[in-house]
PDB file of N, CA and C in Angstrom:
ATOM      1  N   MET A   1      98.260  69.484 196.163  1.00  0.00           N
ATOM      2  CA  MET A   1      96.923  68.954 196.432  1.00  0.00           C
ATOM      3  C   MET A   1      97.074  67.634 197.062  1.00  0.00           C
ATOM      4  N   ALA A   2      96.350  67.399 198.154  1.00  0.00           N
ATOM      5  CA  ALA A   2      96.393  66.171 198.895  1.00  0.00           C
ATOM      6  C   ALA A   2      95.503  65.116 198.201  1.00  0.00           C
ATOM      7  N   ASP A   3      96.087  63.908 197.950  1.00  0.00           N
ATOM      8  CA  ASP A   3      95.345  62.851 197.318  1.00  0.00           C
ATOM      9  C   ASP A   3      94.050  62.493 198.024  1.00  0.00           C
ATOM     10  N   GLU A   4      94.120  62.430 199.388  1.00  0.00           N
ATOM     11  CA  GLU A   4      92.951  62.081 200.197  1.00  0.00           C
ATOM     12  C   GLU A   4      91.814  63.081 199.977  1.00  0.00           C
ATOM     13  N   ALA A   5      92.134  64.338 199.906  1.00  0.00           N
ATOM     14  CA  ALA A   5      91.112  65.413 199.738  1.00  0.00           C
ATOM     15  C   ALA A   5      90.485  65.227 198.325  1.00  0.00           C
ATOM     16  N   LEU A   6      91.308  64.993 197.299  1.00  0.00           N
ATOM     17  CA  LEU A   6      90.787  64.780 195.995  1.00  0.00           C
ATOM     18  C   LEU A   6      89.871  63.569 195.932  1.00  0.00           C
ATOM     19  N   ILE A   7      90.310  62.483 196.522  1.00  0.00           N
ATOM     20  CA  ILE A   7      89.477  61.265 196.495  1.00  0.00           C
ATOM     21  C   ILE A   7      88.176  61.490 197.156  1.00  0.00           C
ATOM     22  N   GLU A   8      88.115  62.152 198.306  1.00  0.00           N
ATOM     23  CA  GLU A   8      86.890  62.456 199.029  1.00  0.00           C
ATOM     24  C   GLU A   8      86.021  63.314 198.190  1.00  0.00           C
ATOM     25  N   ALA A   9      86.550  64.338 197.465  1.00  0.00           N
ATOM     26  CA  ALA A   9      85.761  65.236 196.694  1.00  0.00           C
ATOM     27  C   ALA A   9      85.177  64.466 195.457  1.00  0.00           C
ATOM     28  N   VAL A  10      85.923  63.629 194.842  1.00  0.00           N
ATOM     29  CA  VAL A  10      85.481  62.859 193.656  1.00  0.00           C
ATOM     30  C   VAL A  10      84.410  61.888 194.066  1.00  0.00           C
ATOM     31  N   ARG A  11      84.626  61.285 195.275  1.00  0.00           N
ATOM     32  CA  ARG A  11      83.633  60.296 195.732  1.00  0.00           C
ATOM     33  C   ARG A  11      82.169  60.831 195.801  1.00  0.00           C
ATOM     34  N   LEU A  12      82.052  62.145 195.963  1.00  0.00           N
ATOM     35  CA  LEU A  12      80.720  62.740 196.062  1.00  0.00           C
ATOM     36  C   LEU A  12      80.010  62.781 194.669  1.00  0.00           C
ATOM     37  N   PHE A  13      80.721  62.614 193.610  1.00  0.00           N
ATOM     38  CA  PHE A  13      80.184  62.676 192.264  1.00  0.00           C
ATOM     39  C   PHE A  13      80.322  61.383 191.539  1.00  0.00           C
ATOM     40  N   SER A  14      79.303  60.560 191.583  1.00  0.00           N
ATOM     41  CA  SER A  14      79.314  59.205 191.030  1.00  0.00           C
ATOM     42  C   SER A  14      79.593  59.249 189.489  1.00  0.00           C
ATOM     43  N   CYS A  15      79.215  60.321 188.850  1.00  0.00           N
ATOM     44  CA  CYS A  15      79.428  60.421 187.404  1.00  0.00           C
ATOM     45  C   CYS A  15      80.902  60.442 187.013  1.00  0.00           C
ATOM     46  N   LEU A  16      81.729  60.653 187.935  1.00  0.00           N
ATOM     47  CA  LEU A  16      83.186  60.710 187.656  1.00  0.00           C
ATOM     48  C   LEU A  16      83.925  59.324 187.790  1.00  0.00           C
ATOM     49  N   TRP A  17      83.310  58.428 188.507  1.00  0.00           N
ATOM     50  CA  TRP A  17      84.018  57.207 188.781  1.00  0.00           C
ATOM     51  C   TRP A  17      83.171  55.928 188.633  1.00  0.00           C
ATOM     52  N   GLN A  18      81.894  56.014 188.686  1.00  0.00           N
ATOM     53  CA  GLN A  18      80.992  54.828 188.606  1.00  0.00           C
ATOM     54  C   GLN A  18      80.534  54.591 187.192  1.00  0.00           C
ATOM     55  N   THR A  19      81.208  53.596 186.490  1.00  0.00           N
ATOM     56  CA  THR A  19      80.887  53.392 185.112  1.00  0.00           C
ATOM     57  C   THR A  19      79.479  52.973 184.804  1.00  0.00           C
ATOM     58  N   GLY A  20      78.835  52.345 185.743  1.00  0.00           N
ATOM     59  CA  GLY A  20      77.452  51.899 185.540  1.00  0.00           C
ATOM     60  C   GLY A  20      76.441  53.027 185.778  1.00  0.00           C
ATOM     61  N   PHE A  21      76.868  54.165 186.209  1.00  0.00           N
ATOM     62  CA  PHE A  21      75.978  55.332 186.470  1.00  0.00           C
ATOM     63  C   PHE A  21      75.619  55.905 185.132  1.00  0.00           C
ATOM     64  N   LYS A  22      74.317  56.305 184.959  1.00  0.00           N
ATOM     65  CA  LYS A  22      73.852  56.783 183.653  1.00  0.00           C
ATOM     66  C   LYS A  22      74.503  58.085 183.280  1.00  0.00           C
ATOM     67  N   GLU A  23      74.937  58.953 184.200  1.00  0.00           N
ATOM     68  CA  GLU A  23      75.591  60.175 183.893  1.00  0.00           C
ATOM     69  C   GLU A  23      77.077  60.096 183.655  1.00  0.00           C
ATOM     70  N   TYR A  24      77.600  58.849 183.715  1.00  0.00           N
ATOM     71  CA  TYR A  24      79.038  58.645 183.473  1.00  0.00           C
ATOM     72  C   TYR A  24      79.469  59.069 182.140  1.00  0.00           C
ATOM     73  N   LYS A  25      78.573  58.914 181.101  1.00  0.00           N
ATOM     74  CA  LYS A  25      78.818  59.280 179.731  1.00  0.00           C
ATOM     75  C   LYS A  25      78.366  60.662 179.380  1.00  0.00           C
ATOM     76  N   ASP A  26      77.772  61.386 180.358  1.00  0.00           N
ATOM     77  CA  ASP A  26      77.238  62.756 180.146  1.00  0.00           C
ATOM     78  C   ASP A  26      78.380  63.768 180.334  1.00  0.00           C
ATOM     79  N   ILE A  27      78.852  64.329 179.214  1.00  0.00           N
ATOM     80  CA  ILE A  27      79.985  65.175 179.248  1.00  0.00           C
ATOM     81  C   ILE A  27      79.707  66.460 180.095  1.00  0.00           C
ATOM     82  N   LYS A  28      78.521  67.019 179.937  1.00  0.00           N
ATOM     83  CA  LYS A  28      78.116  68.234 180.699  1.00  0.00           C
ATOM     84  C   LYS A  28      78.118  67.925 182.219  1.00  0.00           C
ATOM     85  N   ALA A  29      77.537  66.848 182.575  1.00  0.00           N
ATOM     86  CA  ALA A  29      77.486  66.491 184.003  1.00  0.00           C
ATOM     87  C   ALA A  29      78.940  66.324 184.561  1.00  0.00           C
ATOM     88  N   LYS A  30      79.778  65.718 183.788  1.00  0.00           N
ATOM     89  CA  LYS A  30      81.200  65.478 184.254  1.00  0.00           C
ATOM     90  C   LYS A  30      81.907  66.847 184.350  1.00  0.00           C
ATOM     91  N   GLU A  31      81.654  67.719 183.397  1.00  0.00           N
ATOM     92  CA  GLU A  31      82.352  69.037 183.428  1.00  0.00           C
ATOM     93  C   GLU A  31      81.897  69.791 184.686  1.00  0.00           C
ATOM     94  N   ASN A  32      80.626  69.761 184.929  1.00  0.00           N
ATOM     95  CA  ASN A  32      80.103  70.444 186.160  1.00  0.00           C
ATOM     96  C   ASN A  32      80.644  69.812 187.411  1.00  0.00           C
ATOM     97  N   ALA A  33      80.743  68.501 187.456  1.00  0.00           N
ATOM     98  CA  ALA A  33      81.272  67.815 188.665  1.00  0.00           C
ATOM     99  C   ALA A  33      82.748  68.204 188.814  1.00  0.00           C
ATOM    100  N   TRP A  34      83.547  68.193 187.756  1.00  0.00           N
ATOM    101  CA  TRP A  34      84.931  68.541 187.898  1.00  0.00           C
ATOM    102  C   TRP A  34      85.123  70.004 188.378  1.00  0.00           C
ATOM    103  N   LYS A  35      84.220  70.915 187.942  1.00  0.00           N
ATOM    104  CA  LYS A  35      84.257  72.293 188.386  1.00  0.00           C
ATOM    105  C   LYS A  35      84.040  72.319 189.909  1.00  0.00           C
ATOM    106  N   GLU A  36      83.034  71.550 190.376  1.00  0.00           N
ATOM    107  CA  GLU A  36      82.756  71.496 191.811  1.00  0.00           C
ATOM    108  C   GLU A  36      83.938  70.887 192.597  1.00  0.00           C
ATOM    109  N   VAL A  37      84.555  69.852 192.069  1.00  0.00           N
ATOM    110  CA  VAL A  37      85.665  69.231 192.744  1.00  0.00           C
ATOM    111  C   VAL A  37      86.820  70.284 192.866  1.00  0.00           C
ATOM    112  N   ALA A  38      87.085  70.962 191.753  1.00  0.00           N
ATOM    113  CA  ALA A  38      88.183  71.965 191.735  1.00  0.00           C
ATOM    114  C   ALA A  38      87.921  73.037 192.755  1.00  0.00           C
ATOM    115  N   THR A  39      86.659  73.479 192.829  1.00  0.00           N
ATOM    116  CA  THR A  39      86.298  74.538 193.756  1.00  0.00           C
ATOM    117  C   THR A  39      86.507  74.079 195.224  1.00  0.00           C
ATOM    118  N   LYS A  40      86.098  72.867 195.490  1.00  0.00           N
ATOM    119  CA  LYS A  40      86.348  72.260 196.793  1.00  0.00           C
ATOM    120  C   LYS A  40      87.790  72.115 197.221  1.00  0.00           C
ATOM    121  N   ILE A  41      88.606  71.779 196.247  1.00  0.00           N
ATOM    122  CA  ILE A  41      90.004  71.483 196.495  1.00  0.00           C
ATOM    123  C   ILE A  41      90.847  72.774 196.507  1.00  0.00           C
ATOM    124  N   SER A  42      90.735  73.608 195.541  1.00  0.00           N
ATOM    125  CA  SER A  42      91.717  74.686 195.454  1.00  0.00           C
ATOM    126  C   SER A  42      91.249  76.077 195.002  1.00  0.00           C
ATOM    127  N   GLY A  43      90.054  76.161 194.478  1.00  0.00           N
ATOM    128  CA  GLY A  43      89.560  77.488 194.024  1.00  0.00           C
ATOM    129  C   GLY A  43      88.737  77.298 192.743  1.00  0.00           C
ATOM    130  N   LYS A  44      88.550  78.419 192.051  1.00  0.00           N
ATOM    131  CA  LYS A  44      87.633  78.415 190.900  1.00  0.00           C
ATOM    132  C   LYS A  44      88.251  78.475 189.564  1.00  0.00           C
ATOM    133  N   ASN A  45      89.578  78.483 189.405  1.00  0.00           N
ATOM    134  CA  ASN A  45      90.143  78.663 188.097  1.00  0.00           C
ATOM    135  C   ASN A  45      90.192  77.334 187.290  1.00  0.00           C
ATOM    136  N   ASP A  46      90.312  77.456 185.990  1.00  0.00           N
ATOM    137  CA  ASP A  46      90.288  76.330 185.048  1.00  0.00           C
ATOM    138  C   ASP A  46      91.486  75.482 185.214  1.00  0.00           C
ATOM    139  N   LYS A  47      92.607  76.122 185.531  1.00  0.00           N
ATOM    140  CA  LYS A  47      93.863  75.332 185.709  1.00  0.00           C
ATOM    141  C   LYS A  47      93.754  74.295 186.819  1.00  0.00           C
ATOM    142  N   SER A  48      93.155  74.657 187.950  1.00  0.00           N
ATOM    143  CA  SER A  48      92.988  73.685 188.984  1.00  0.00           C
ATOM    144  C   SER A  48      92.020  72.597 188.626  1.00  0.00           C
ATOM    145  N   ARG A  49      91.030  72.832 187.773  1.00  0.00           N
ATOM    146  CA  ARG A  49      90.157  71.758 187.298  1.00  0.00           C
ATOM    147  C   ARG A  49      90.967  70.757 186.436  1.00  0.00           C
ATOM    148  N   LYS A  50      91.826  71.249 185.607  1.00  0.00           N
ATOM    149  CA  LYS A  50      92.630  70.374 184.805  1.00  0.00           C
ATOM    150  C   LYS A  50      93.609  69.614 185.657  1.00  0.00           C
ATOM    151  N   ASP A  51      94.166  70.279 186.643  1.00  0.00           N
ATOM    152  CA  ASP A  51      95.080  69.597 187.575  1.00  0.00           C
ATOM    153  C   ASP A  51      94.348  68.425 188.336  1.00  0.00           C
ATOM    154  N   CYS A  52      93.100  68.747 188.730  1.00  0.00           N
ATOM    155  CA  CYS A  52      92.335  67.685 189.438  1.00  0.00           C
ATOM    156  C   CYS A  52      92.093  66.500 188.553  1.00  0.00           C
ATOM    157  N   ILE A  53      91.737  66.746 187.293  1.00  0.00           N
ATOM    158  CA  ILE A  53      91.505  65.687 186.348  1.00  0.00           C
ATOM    159  C   ILE A  53      92.720  64.835 186.124  1.00  0.00           C
ATOM    160  N   ARG A  54      93.878  65.533 185.907  1.00  0.00           N
ATOM    161  CA  ARG A  54      95.114  64.822 185.698  1.00  0.00           C
ATOM    162  C   ARG A  54      95.567  64.020 186.900  1.00  0.00           C
ATOM    163  N   ARG A  55      95.361  64.592 188.095  1.00  0.00           N
ATOM    164  CA  ARG A  55      95.762  63.915 189.339  1.00  0.00           C
ATOM    165  C   ARG A  55      94.848  62.694 189.590  1.00  0.00           C
ATOM    166  N   TRP A  56      93.550  62.854 189.346  1.00  0.00           N
ATOM    167  CA  TRP A  56      92.600  61.736 189.539  1.00  0.00           C
ATOM    168  C   TRP A  56      92.972  60.612 188.562  1.00  0.00           C
ATOM    169  N   LYS A  57      93.250  60.899 187.340  1.00  0.00           N
ATOM    170  CA  LYS A  57      93.622  59.845 186.354  1.00  0.00           C
ATOM    171  C   LYS A  57      94.882  59.108 186.824  1.00  0.00           C
ATOM    172  N   ASN A  58      95.836  59.829 187.375  1.00  0.00           N
ATOM    173  CA  ASN A  58      97.043  59.202 187.890  1.00  0.00           C
ATOM    174  C   ASN A  58      96.760  58.289 189.072  1.00  0.00           C
ATOM    175  N   ILE A  59      95.945  58.731 190.001  1.00  0.00           N
ATOM    176  CA  ILE A  59      95.551  57.928 191.200  1.00  0.00           C
ATOM    177  C   ILE A  59      94.807  56.697 190.742  1.00  0.00           C
ATOM    178  N   ARG A  60      93.826  56.874 189.829  1.00  0.00           N
ATOM    179  CA  ARG A  60      93.040  55.730 189.376  1.00  0.00           C
ATOM    180  C   ARG A  60      93.910  54.703 188.636  1.00  0.00           C
ATOM    181  N   ASP A  61      94.748  55.150 187.765  1.00  0.00           N
ATOM    182  CA  ASP A  61      95.613  54.233 187.002  1.00  0.00           C
ATOM    183  C   ASP A  61      96.610  53.459 187.906  1.00  0.00           C
ATOM    184  N   ARG A  62      97.128  54.204 188.916  1.00  0.00           N
ATOM    185  CA  ARG A  62      98.062  53.539 189.860  1.00  0.00           C
ATOM    186  C   ARG A  62      97.332  52.460 190.618  1.00  0.00           C
ATOM    187  N   PHE A  63      96.078  52.746 191.057  1.00  0.00           N
ATOM    188  CA  PHE A  63      95.273  51.800 191.797  1.00  0.00           C
ATOM    189  C   PHE A  63      94.995  50.532 190.932  1.00  0.00           C
ATOM    190  N   VAL A  64      94.626  50.727 189.718  1.00  0.00           N
ATOM    191  CA  VAL A  64      94.282  49.611 188.832  1.00  0.00           C
ATOM    192  C   VAL A  64      95.542  48.750 188.643  1.00  0.00           C
ATOM    193  N   ARG A  65      96.678  49.370 188.427  1.00  0.00           N
ATOM    194  CA  ARG A  65      97.965  48.593 188.269  1.00  0.00           C
ATOM    195  C   ARG A  65      98.243  47.776 189.488  1.00  0.00           C
ATOM    196  N   GLU A  66      98.137  48.382 190.664  1.00  0.00           N
ATOM    197  CA  GLU A  66      98.430  47.598 191.922  1.00  0.00           C
ATOM    198  C   GLU A  66      97.399  46.520 192.091  1.00  0.00           C
ATOM    199  N   PHE A  67      96.135  46.798 191.822  1.00  0.00           N
ATOM    200  CA  PHE A  67      95.064  45.797 191.973  1.00  0.00           C
ATOM    201  C   PHE A  67      95.284  44.582 191.090  1.00  0.00           C
ATOM    202  N   LYS A  68      95.734  44.828 189.857  1.00  0.00           N
ATOM    203  CA  LYS A  68      96.014  43.716 188.960  1.00  0.00           C
ATOM    204  C   LYS A  68      97.155  42.866 189.431  1.00  0.00           C
ATOM    205  N   LYS A  69      98.149  43.484 190.101  1.00  0.00           N
ATOM    206  CA  LYS A  69      99.276  42.705 190.602  1.00  0.00           C
ATOM    207  C   LYS A  69      98.848  41.813 191.687  1.00  0.00           C
ATOM    208  N   THR A  70      97.892  42.238 192.539  1.00  0.00           N
ATOM    209  CA  THR A  70      97.522  41.466 193.712  1.00  0.00           C
ATOM    210  C   THR A  70      96.401  40.449 193.335  1.00  0.00           C
ATOM    211  N   ASN A  71      95.727  40.635 192.294  1.00  0.00           N
ATOM    212  CA  ASN A  71      94.620  39.800 191.938  1.00  0.00           C
ATOM    213  C   ASN A  71      94.976  38.750 190.905  1.00  0.00           C
ATOM    214  N   ARG A  72      95.867  37.820 191.326  1.00  0.00           N
ATOM    215  CA  ARG A  72      96.287  36.735 190.450  1.00  0.00           C
ATOM    216  C   ARG A  72      95.324  35.564 190.573  1.00  0.00           C
ATOM    217  N   PRO A  73      95.240  34.752 189.549  1.00  0.00           N
ATOM    218  CA  PRO A  73      94.420  33.554 189.574  1.00  0.00           C
ATOM    219  C   PRO A  73      94.898  32.615 190.656  1.00  0.00           C
ATOM    220  N   THR A  74      93.953  31.828 191.228  1.00  0.00           N
ATOM    221  CA  THR A  74      94.315  30.868 192.263  1.00  0.00           C
ATOM    222  C   THR A  74      95.209  29.755 191.599  1.00  0.00           C
ATOM    223  N   GLY A  75      96.033  29.199 192.412  1.00  0.00           N
ATOM    224  CA  GLY A  75      96.919  28.127 191.875  1.00  0.00           C
ATOM    225  C   GLY A  75      98.194  28.679 191.283  1.00  0.00           C
ATOM    226  N   THR A  76      98.343  29.956 191.218  1.00  0.00           N
ATOM    227  CA  THR A  76      99.563  30.615 190.669  1.00  0.00           C
ATOM    228  C   THR A  76     100.744  30.425 191.650  1.00  0.00           C
ATOM    229  N   GLU A  77     101.872  29.960 191.159  1.00  0.00           N
ATOM    230  CA  GLU A  77     103.006  29.808 192.016  1.00  0.00           C
ATOM    231  C   GLU A  77     103.701  31.122 192.162  1.00  0.00           C
ATOM    232  N   GLY A  78     104.575  31.175 193.154  1.00  0.00           N
ATOM    233  CA  GLY A  78     105.349  32.386 193.384  1.00  0.00           C
ATOM    234  C   GLY A  78     105.045  33.039 194.719  1.00  0.00           C
ATOM    235  N   LEU A  79     105.853  34.001 195.057  1.00  0.00           N
ATOM    236  CA  LEU A  79     105.659  34.680 196.356  1.00  0.00           C
ATOM    237  C   LEU A  79     104.505  35.675 196.204  1.00  0.00           C
ATOM    238  N   PRO A  80     103.772  35.895 197.306  1.00  0.00           N
ATOM    239  CA  PRO A  80     102.697  36.842 197.234  1.00  0.00           C
ATOM    240  C   PRO A  80     103.264  38.263 197.020  1.00  0.00           C
ATOM    241  N   TYR A  81     102.522  39.052 196.356  1.00  0.00           N
ATOM    242  CA  TYR A  81     102.934  40.437 196.004  1.00  0.00           C
ATOM    243  C   TYR A  81     102.775  41.305 197.254  1.00  0.00           C
ATOM    244  N   LYS A  82     103.814  42.073 197.558  1.00  0.00           N
ATOM    245  CA  LYS A  82     103.747  43.042 198.624  1.00  0.00           C
ATOM    246  C   LYS A  82     103.955  44.424 198.089  1.00  0.00           C
ATOM    247  N   PRO A  83     102.888  45.272 198.132  1.00  0.00           N
ATOM    248  CA  PRO A  83     103.029  46.616 197.537  1.00  0.00           C
ATOM    249  C   PRO A  83     104.074  47.444 198.337  1.00  0.00           C
ATOM    250  N   ASN A  84     104.588  48.424 197.689  1.00  0.00           N
ATOM    251  CA  ASN A  84     105.612  49.320 198.272  1.00  0.00           C
ATOM    252  C   ASN A  84     104.968  50.243 199.245  1.00  0.00           C
TER     253      ASN A  84
END
């Protein structure tokens, strides 16, 4: 599964990524959204839905880690961070 395709599919469903969205805590809405994402990405089976959820968590966690490395307080000494 291509990361870009998954990101674009998830972007269409705010309840999956926008924490301020009222449906972010709605389990049914999120289940339905993940089913739609899995259908758009790879088909209709439950395994692909679980794979999409796992892959999204990995992408999101990796982004947050990299963002924290680059977002240092001003006045911090040291070389600027260069991502791989």
